[in-house]
Amino acid sequence: MATIQTTYLGGLRTEAVHTQSGSSLITDAPLDNHGRGEAFSPTDLLAASYGSCVLTIMGLAAQTHGFTINGAQVKTTKIMGTSPRRVVELIAEFILPSNAYTSKERKIIELAAKECPVYNSLHPDIKKTITFTYPE
């Protein structure tokens, strides 16, 4: 069975349905590529997938080691290139909650960030810039 079924709706829009849950989302081409920019673009979903995946793996690592990252956020910026038009860089700023993380916990969090399947599936030419903010 397919994981996702996507239908072209016309007007540079698609609807993707997650077959297991029935959840759906709409994509729209961005303004700079003839779209209306009224929904995630496919490359926005790449950036969102990257950030979500890293947070999930960080959460799993924290859970395994007996601490939490609940409330952590990531601000992801995608940088587009031309010839060919593609994502050339993903900039991810991870903001952790005020939990007085030990140096060991910080190391676990930061190592986990490079273990997510999306991170490891991206072409090596895509630059990945990651920063971590730990409020005190």
Foldseek 3Di string as FASTA:
>chain_A
DDQWDKDDPDQQKIKIAGVVPRDIAMAWDCPVVNTPNPGHHPVSVLQVVLQVQLQVLLQVLQVVVPHGQPPKDKDWDFDFDVPPTDTQEIEIEIEGEADPDDPVSVVSSVVSSCVGPSNVPDDPRRHYHYHYHHDD
